[in-house]
Protein backbone atom coordinates (compact mmCIF):
# COMPACT_ATOMS: atom_id res chain seq x y z
CA MET A 1 62.50 -99.59 153.23
CA LYS A 2 64.60 -102.63 154.47
CA LEU A 3 64.20 -104.54 157.87
CA PRO A 4 66.22 -103.80 160.69
CA VAL A 5 69.46 -106.58 160.63
CA LEU A 6 68.36 -108.05 164.09
CA LEU A 7 64.74 -108.62 161.98
CA LEU A 8 66.70 -110.13 159.22
CA LEU A 9 68.92 -112.70 161.48
CA PHE A 10 65.46 -113.31 163.18
CA LEU A 11 63.90 -113.92 159.62
CA ALA A 12 66.66 -116.32 158.75
CA LEU A 13 66.75 -118.41 162.00
CA SER A 14 62.98 -118.82 161.46
CA SER A 15 63.72 -120.13 158.29
CA LEU A 16 65.48 -123.19 160.26
CA LEU A 17 63.43 -123.75 162.92
CA TYR A 18 62.94 -127.38 164.92
CA ALA A 19 60.33 -128.02 167.30
CA GLN A 20 59.77 -125.11 170.29
CA LYS A 21 57.39 -123.83 172.46
CA CYS A 22 56.38 -120.48 172.08
CA LEU A 23 57.43 -117.63 173.98
CA ASP A 24 55.23 -116.68 176.91
CA LEU A 25 54.77 -113.10 175.36
CA SER A 26 51.77 -110.93 173.78
CA VAL A 27 52.60 -109.50 170.10
CA LEU A 28 49.78 -107.34 170.42
CA SER A 29 50.59 -105.67 173.73
CA LEU A 30 54.39 -105.52 172.51
CA MET A 31 52.82 -103.62 169.83
CA SER A 32 51.50 -100.66 172.09
CA LYS A 33 54.91 -99.68 172.04
CA LEU A 34 54.78 -98.46 168.41
CA GLU A 35 53.45 -94.52 168.61
CA VAL A 36 52.51 -92.37 165.58
CA PRO A 37 54.93 -89.80 164.39
CA GLY A 38 54.51 -86.12 164.76
CA ASN A 39 55.23 -83.19 161.91
CA ALA A 40 58.82 -82.36 161.12
CA ALA A 41 59.31 -79.97 163.95
CA ALA A 42 57.92 -82.49 166.21
CA ASN A 43 60.17 -85.11 165.49
CA PHE A 44 63.24 -82.93 165.48
CA ALA A 45 62.54 -81.40 168.78
CA LEU A 46 62.85 -85.53 170.35
CA CYS A 47 66.38 -86.10 168.55
CA SER A 48 69.18 -85.46 170.68
CA THR A 49 71.49 -82.89 169.16
CA ARG A 50 74.86 -81.06 169.63
CA VAL A 51 76.56 -77.82 168.16
CA ASN A 52 79.79 -78.25 166.52
CA GLU A 53 82.32 -75.53 165.95
CA ASN A 54 80.58 -73.68 163.50
CA ASN A 55 77.50 -73.26 165.89
CA GLN A 56 75.58 -75.42 163.79
CA THR A 57 73.39 -77.78 165.08
CA GLU A 58 73.51 -81.64 163.98
CA ILE A 59 71.35 -84.76 165.02
CA ILE A 60 73.38 -87.43 167.31
CA ASP A 61 70.16 -89.42 167.20
CA TYR A 62 66.81 -89.65 166.65
CA GLY A 63 65.43 -89.72 170.57
CA VAL A 64 64.45 -91.64 173.25
CA TYR A 65 61.51 -92.85 171.44
CA MET A 66 63.20 -94.30 168.34
CA ARG A 67 66.14 -95.99 171.22
CA ASP A 68 63.70 -96.89 172.95
CA LEU A 69 61.76 -99.19 170.07
CA ASP A 70 65.04 -100.14 168.50
CA THR A 71 66.18 -101.57 172.04
CA LEU A 72 62.43 -103.86 172.19
CA LEU A 73 62.88 -104.81 168.63
CA HIS A 74 66.44 -106.07 169.40
CA GLN A 75 65.72 -107.87 172.87
CA LYS A 76 62.87 -109.67 171.40
CA SER A 77 64.63 -110.59 168.80
CA ASN A 78 66.97 -111.88 170.41
CA GLU A 79 64.77 -113.92 172.50
CA PHE A 80 63.10 -115.65 169.46
CA ASN A 81 67.17 -116.08 168.38
CA ASN A 82 67.91 -118.00 171.52
CA ALA A 83 65.06 -119.53 171.82
CA PHE A 84 65.71 -121.05 168.44
CA LEU A 85 69.80 -122.05 169.08
CA MET A 86 68.32 -123.97 172.29
CA ALA A 87 65.77 -125.70 170.25
CA SER A 88 68.51 -126.29 167.41
CA GLY A 89 71.01 -127.17 169.83
CA SER A 90 68.47 -129.56 171.99
CA ARG A 91 67.40 -131.83 168.80
CA ALA A 92 70.96 -132.19 168.13
CA GLY A 93 71.83 -133.23 171.83
CA GLN A 94 74.52 -130.86 172.81
CA ILE A 95 74.74 -126.85 172.70
CA PRO A 96 74.89 -125.34 169.04
CA SER A 97 77.97 -125.32 168.17
CA GLY A 98 78.08 -122.17 166.27
CA GLN A 99 77.59 -123.16 162.89
CA THR A 100 74.02 -122.88 163.08
CA ALA A 101 74.42 -119.40 163.87
CA ALA A 102 76.82 -118.43 161.78
CA ASP A 103 74.40 -120.15 158.69
CA ALA A 104 71.71 -117.68 160.10
CA GLN A 105 74.64 -114.76 160.17
CA GLN A 106 75.44 -115.34 156.63
CA LEU A 107 71.73 -115.43 155.33
CA ALA A 108 70.79 -112.28 157.15
CA ALA A 109 73.75 -110.91 155.29
CA LYS A 110 72.26 -111.54 151.93
CA LEU A 111 68.52 -110.61 153.19
CA LYS A 112 70.60 -107.21 153.94
CA SER A 113 71.70 -106.52 150.61
CA MET A 114 68.33 -107.21 149.00
CA THR A 115 65.87 -104.64 148.15
CA PRO A 116 62.50 -104.03 149.93
CA ASP A 117 60.99 -106.40 146.96
CA GLN A 118 62.91 -108.76 147.40
CA GLN A 119 63.03 -109.43 151.28
CA LYS A 120 59.31 -109.71 150.95
CA GLU A 121 59.75 -111.99 147.86
CA TRP A 122 62.15 -114.27 150.01
CA ALA A 123 60.04 -113.96 153.15
CA MET A 124 56.57 -115.30 150.68
CA GLN A 125 59.18 -118.44 149.63
CA GLN A 126 60.25 -119.69 152.94
CA ALA A 127 57.01 -119.48 153.80
CA SER A 128 55.63 -121.39 151.26
CA GLN A 129 58.66 -123.82 151.41
CA ARG A 130 57.33 -124.34 154.79
CA MET A 131 53.49 -125.13 153.96
CA GLN A 132 55.34 -127.79 151.76
CA ALA A 133 57.18 -129.40 153.86
CA SER A 134 54.95 -129.58 156.18
CA SER A 135 52.04 -130.30 154.11
CA ARG A 136 52.40 -134.20 155.47
CA PRO A 137 53.12 -133.85 158.81
CA VAL A 138 53.31 -136.35 161.80
CA ILE A 139 49.60 -135.41 163.35
CA GLN A 140 49.43 -137.29 167.24
CA ASP A 141 46.39 -134.62 167.85
CA ASP A 142 42.80 -134.33 166.94
CA PRO A 143 41.78 -132.69 163.78
CA VAL A 144 40.30 -129.13 165.52
CA THR A 145 43.64 -128.78 167.62
CA ALA A 146 45.27 -128.80 163.89
CA GLN A 147 43.00 -126.75 161.97
CA LEU A 148 43.36 -124.16 164.84
CA VAL A 149 47.49 -124.54 164.56
CA ILE A 150 47.08 -124.22 160.49
CA LYS A 151 45.10 -121.63 160.46
CA THR A 152 47.39 -119.62 162.82
CA ARG A 153 50.34 -120.12 160.70
CA ASP A 154 47.78 -118.74 157.50
CA LEU A 155 47.43 -115.69 159.78
CA ALA A 156 50.54 -114.89 160.69
CA SER A 157 53.00 -116.26 157.43
CA VAL A 158 50.46 -115.34 154.85
CA GLN A 159 47.47 -112.75 155.55
CA LEU A 160 50.12 -110.60 157.60
CA VAL A 161 52.54 -110.88 155.09
CA ALA A 162 50.33 -110.10 152.14
CA LEU A 163 48.86 -106.94 154.15
CA ASN A 164 52.34 -105.55 154.82
CA ARG A 165 53.26 -105.90 151.39
CA GLU A 166 50.04 -103.84 150.27
CA PHE A 167 51.04 -101.38 153.24
CA ALA A 168 54.51 -100.90 151.54
CA ALA A 169 53.55 -100.66 148.31
CA ARG A 170 50.97 -97.70 149.31
CA PHE A 171 53.59 -95.50 151.88
CA ARG A 172 55.93 -96.07 148.27
CA GLU A 173 53.78 -94.75 146.14
CA ILE A 174 53.21 -91.48 148.79
CA GLY A 175 57.13 -91.55 148.84
CA ASN A 176 57.30 -91.39 145.15
CA ALA A 177 54.93 -88.61 144.84
CA GLU A 178 56.83 -86.58 147.52
CA ASP A 179 60.11 -86.77 145.91
CA ALA A 180 58.41 -85.55 142.39
CA ALA A 181 57.47 -82.75 144.46
CA LEU A 182 60.50 -81.69 146.77
CA ASN A 183 62.11 -81.88 143.26
CA LYS A 184 59.81 -79.29 141.93
CA LEU A 185 61.02 -76.71 144.04
CA ALA A 186 63.28 -74.46 142.70
CA LYS A 187 66.79 -74.42 144.32
CA PRO A 188 67.51 -71.26 146.55
CA ASP A 189 70.16 -68.86 144.78
CA ASP A 190 72.41 -67.48 146.80
CA SER A 191 73.44 -65.37 144.06
CA LYS A 192 71.10 -62.66 144.97
CA CYS A 193 72.94 -61.79 147.62
CA PRO A 194 75.83 -58.83 146.87
CA GLY A 195 79.29 -59.12 148.08
CA VAL A 196 80.00 -57.61 150.50
CA ASP A 197 84.25 -58.60 152.13
CA LYS A 198 87.08 -58.10 149.58
CA VAL A 199 86.89 -61.33 147.78
CA GLY A 200 83.08 -60.44 147.15
CA LEU A 201 81.51 -63.33 149.96
CA PRO A 202 78.08 -62.00 150.63
CA SER A 203 76.96 -61.96 154.21
CA CYS A 204 75.83 -64.81 156.15
CA SER A 205 72.87 -63.38 156.89
CA CYS A 206 71.49 -62.92 153.34
CA VAL A 207 72.45 -66.66 151.96
CA ASN A 208 71.11 -68.16 155.39
CA GLU A 209 67.58 -66.10 154.50
CA VAL A 210 67.39 -67.58 150.93
CA ASP A 211 68.44 -71.02 151.99
CA GLY A 212 65.78 -70.67 154.94
CA LYS A 213 62.97 -70.00 152.51
CA TYR A 214 63.86 -72.77 150.60
CA TRP A 215 64.00 -75.35 153.51
CA GLN A 216 60.72 -73.30 155.10
CA GLN A 217 58.85 -75.17 151.91
CA MET A 218 60.64 -78.46 152.51
CA VAL A 219 58.98 -78.61 155.69
CA VAL A 220 55.72 -77.66 154.44
CA LEU A 221 55.81 -80.07 151.76
CA GLU A 222 57.56 -82.85 154.25
CA ASP A 223 54.86 -82.08 156.80
CA GLN A 224 51.80 -82.74 153.87
CA TYR A 225 53.00 -86.00 152.64
CA ASP A 226 53.83 -87.09 156.33
CA ALA A 227 49.90 -86.33 156.62
CA GLN A 228 49.19 -88.92 154.14
CA LYS A 229 51.93 -91.29 155.58
CA ILE A 230 50.53 -91.13 158.93
CA ALA A 231 46.87 -91.44 157.89
CA LEU A 232 47.59 -94.86 155.86
CA TYR A 233 49.93 -95.83 158.78
CA GLN A 234 46.81 -95.66 161.34
CA SER A 235 44.43 -97.31 158.73
CA TYR A 236 46.93 -100.46 158.51
CA ILE A 237 47.92 -100.75 161.91
CA VAL A 238 44.23 -101.56 163.04
CA ARG A 239 44.09 -104.29 160.68
CA ILE A 240 47.65 -105.74 161.28
CA LYS A 241 46.59 -105.52 164.96
CA GLY A 242 43.76 -107.22 164.16
CA LEU A 243 45.61 -110.48 162.69
CA VAL A 244 48.10 -110.57 165.44
CA GLU A 245 45.78 -110.44 168.32
CA GLN A 246 43.97 -113.62 166.35
CA VAL A 247 47.60 -115.05 166.27
CA ASP A 248 47.99 -114.28 170.09
CA LYS A 249 44.44 -115.44 171.07
CA ASN A 250 45.30 -118.94 168.96
CA ILE A 251 48.17 -119.45 171.02
CA VAL A 252 47.27 -118.85 174.51
CA GLU A 253 43.96 -120.85 173.71
CA LEU A 254 46.78 -123.88 173.04
CA HIS A 255 49.05 -123.67 176.06
CA TYR A 256 51.66 -121.66 173.89
CA GLY A 257 52.33 -125.38 172.89
CA GLU A 258 52.21 -127.60 175.41
CA ALA A 259 48.67 -128.40 174.29
CA LEU A 260 50.11 -130.35 171.72
CA LYS A 261 51.18 -133.41 171.13
CA SER A 262 53.03 -133.16 167.88
CA LYS A 263 56.02 -131.50 167.19
CA ASP A 264 55.43 -130.29 164.00
CA LEU A 265 52.21 -128.70 165.20
CA GLN A 266 54.75 -127.38 168.09
CA GLU A 267 57.46 -126.35 165.19
CA MET A 268 54.21 -124.80 162.97
CA LEU A 269 52.73 -122.63 165.89
CA PHE A 270 56.29 -121.34 166.97
CA SER A 271 56.87 -120.24 163.83
CA SER A 272 53.77 -118.84 163.43
CA GLN A 273 54.61 -117.17 166.84
CA SER A 274 57.82 -115.57 165.38
CA ALA A 275 56.73 -114.62 161.94
CA ALA A 276 53.39 -112.93 163.89
CA PHE A 277 56.36 -110.54 165.40
CA ALA A 278 58.53 -109.88 162.76
CA ASN A 279 55.30 -108.91 160.38
CA ALA A 280 54.10 -106.76 163.49
CA PHE A 281 57.06 -104.27 163.57
CA ASP A 282 58.32 -105.12 159.55
CA ILE A 283 56.60 -102.08 157.77
CA THR A 284 55.08 -100.32 161.21
CA SER A 285 58.64 -99.57 162.68
CA ALA A 286 60.30 -98.43 159.07
CA THR A 287 57.07 -96.42 158.61
CA ILE A 288 57.87 -94.79 162.42
CA ARG A 289 61.36 -94.46 161.53
CA SER A 290 61.29 -92.73 157.98
CA ILE A 291 58.63 -90.47 159.27
CA HIS A 292 61.04 -89.25 162.23
CA GLN A 293 63.92 -89.01 160.32
CA ASP A 294 63.33 -87.42 157.06
CA GLY A 295 61.44 -84.89 159.11
CA SER A 296 64.08 -84.29 161.45
CA LYS A 297 66.74 -83.77 159.04
CA VAL A 298 64.76 -81.28 157.10
CA TYR A 299 63.65 -79.34 160.17
CA LEU A 300 67.31 -79.29 161.13
CA ASN A 301 68.37 -77.42 158.05
CA LYS A 302 65.45 -74.83 158.44
CA ALA A 303 66.87 -74.71 161.92
CA ASN A 304 70.15 -74.06 161.25
CA CYS A 305 69.06 -71.58 158.53
CA ASP A 306 67.28 -69.47 161.09
CA LYS A 307 70.65 -69.37 163.58
CA LYS A 308 72.39 -68.15 160.27
CA THR A 309 74.61 -71.32 160.54
CA TYR A 310 73.35 -73.15 157.77
CA ASN A 311 75.61 -71.73 154.49
CA LEU A 312 78.67 -71.05 155.57
CA SER A 313 80.32 -69.97 152.45
CA CYS A 314 79.85 -66.10 153.69
CA GLU A 315 80.89 -63.23 155.52
CA ARG A 316 79.83 -63.19 159.47
C-alpha cells in the first residue's frame, strides 16, 4: 500500500521543518472519519456507476465516503504544508520563493516511486536524523516541559511508525494468502457453451452464466479475506488511536507550542503533530481504500455476469 501523493508531499515537507506553532486541531477527532468497510456487495453499492453502450456497468468512483476521506486528507495535508511554507518564509524574512516547495515536490515524487517498505524505511531514517540533529538543542524550558515534548515526539515519530509497520506487514500477509487462494480457483471454461450462430459463437446467456459462477466464488473468497483484514484493522485502529490521543493531550497541555520558550522544542512539537497526523491516516486509510476498491471490482464483474453483459464474445 503506497501513501497518497499529498501525504507523501506532507512527509517531505515535515522532514525540513522550522520552528512552528502546532495547528489548532485534534488528530484523534479527525480519525472519527475513518469507517470500517463492508463486504464486497456493500462496498459496490456505495460506488458511483454508469452503464456503457454495451449495457455493462462501470465504476466511476468509489462513492461519497471515499471522496470525503480523500478531501479530508487533501485539506489537512495542505494545512500542514501551508503552515510549513509560512514558517520557512518567516524564518527567511520573506514569502517563500517557491524553491522550498519545488524541492519538496521533487522529494515527494521520489517517495511516490518507492515501494511501501522503502517509504517506511525513509520515514524511519528521517525521524532518526531529526532526533540526532536535535540531540543537543538550545533548551530554555524547564526539564519537565522538555521531557514532555521529547515523549510526544517518540509517540508520534517512533512508536506510531513502528506500529504502522507491524500493521502493514500483517495486512500484506493476509493479502498474499488471498492472492494464493484466488489463483487456485479454476478459470471459467466457456467452451462448455455450444455455438448458436453461423460462426459458432455461444449464447451470451450461457457464457455469462459460466463466468458468473466463477465471479461468485471470487466474491465469496474476497469477503472471507476482507473479514480478516477488517478484524486486523479494528485491532490496530484502537492502538493507533491510543497513541494519537496521548500526542493530542500533550500538545494541548503545552498550549499548541505557545507554552514553549525554545524554538527547537516548538519545532519538535509541530513535527510531532504533523507526524501523528500522517501516521494516523497512513495504513488505516490505505487499508480502507484497498478493501473498498478490491471488493467493488470483484462484485462489479459478478453484477455484469448477472446482467449477461460481462462476456461480450457471444450471440445475444
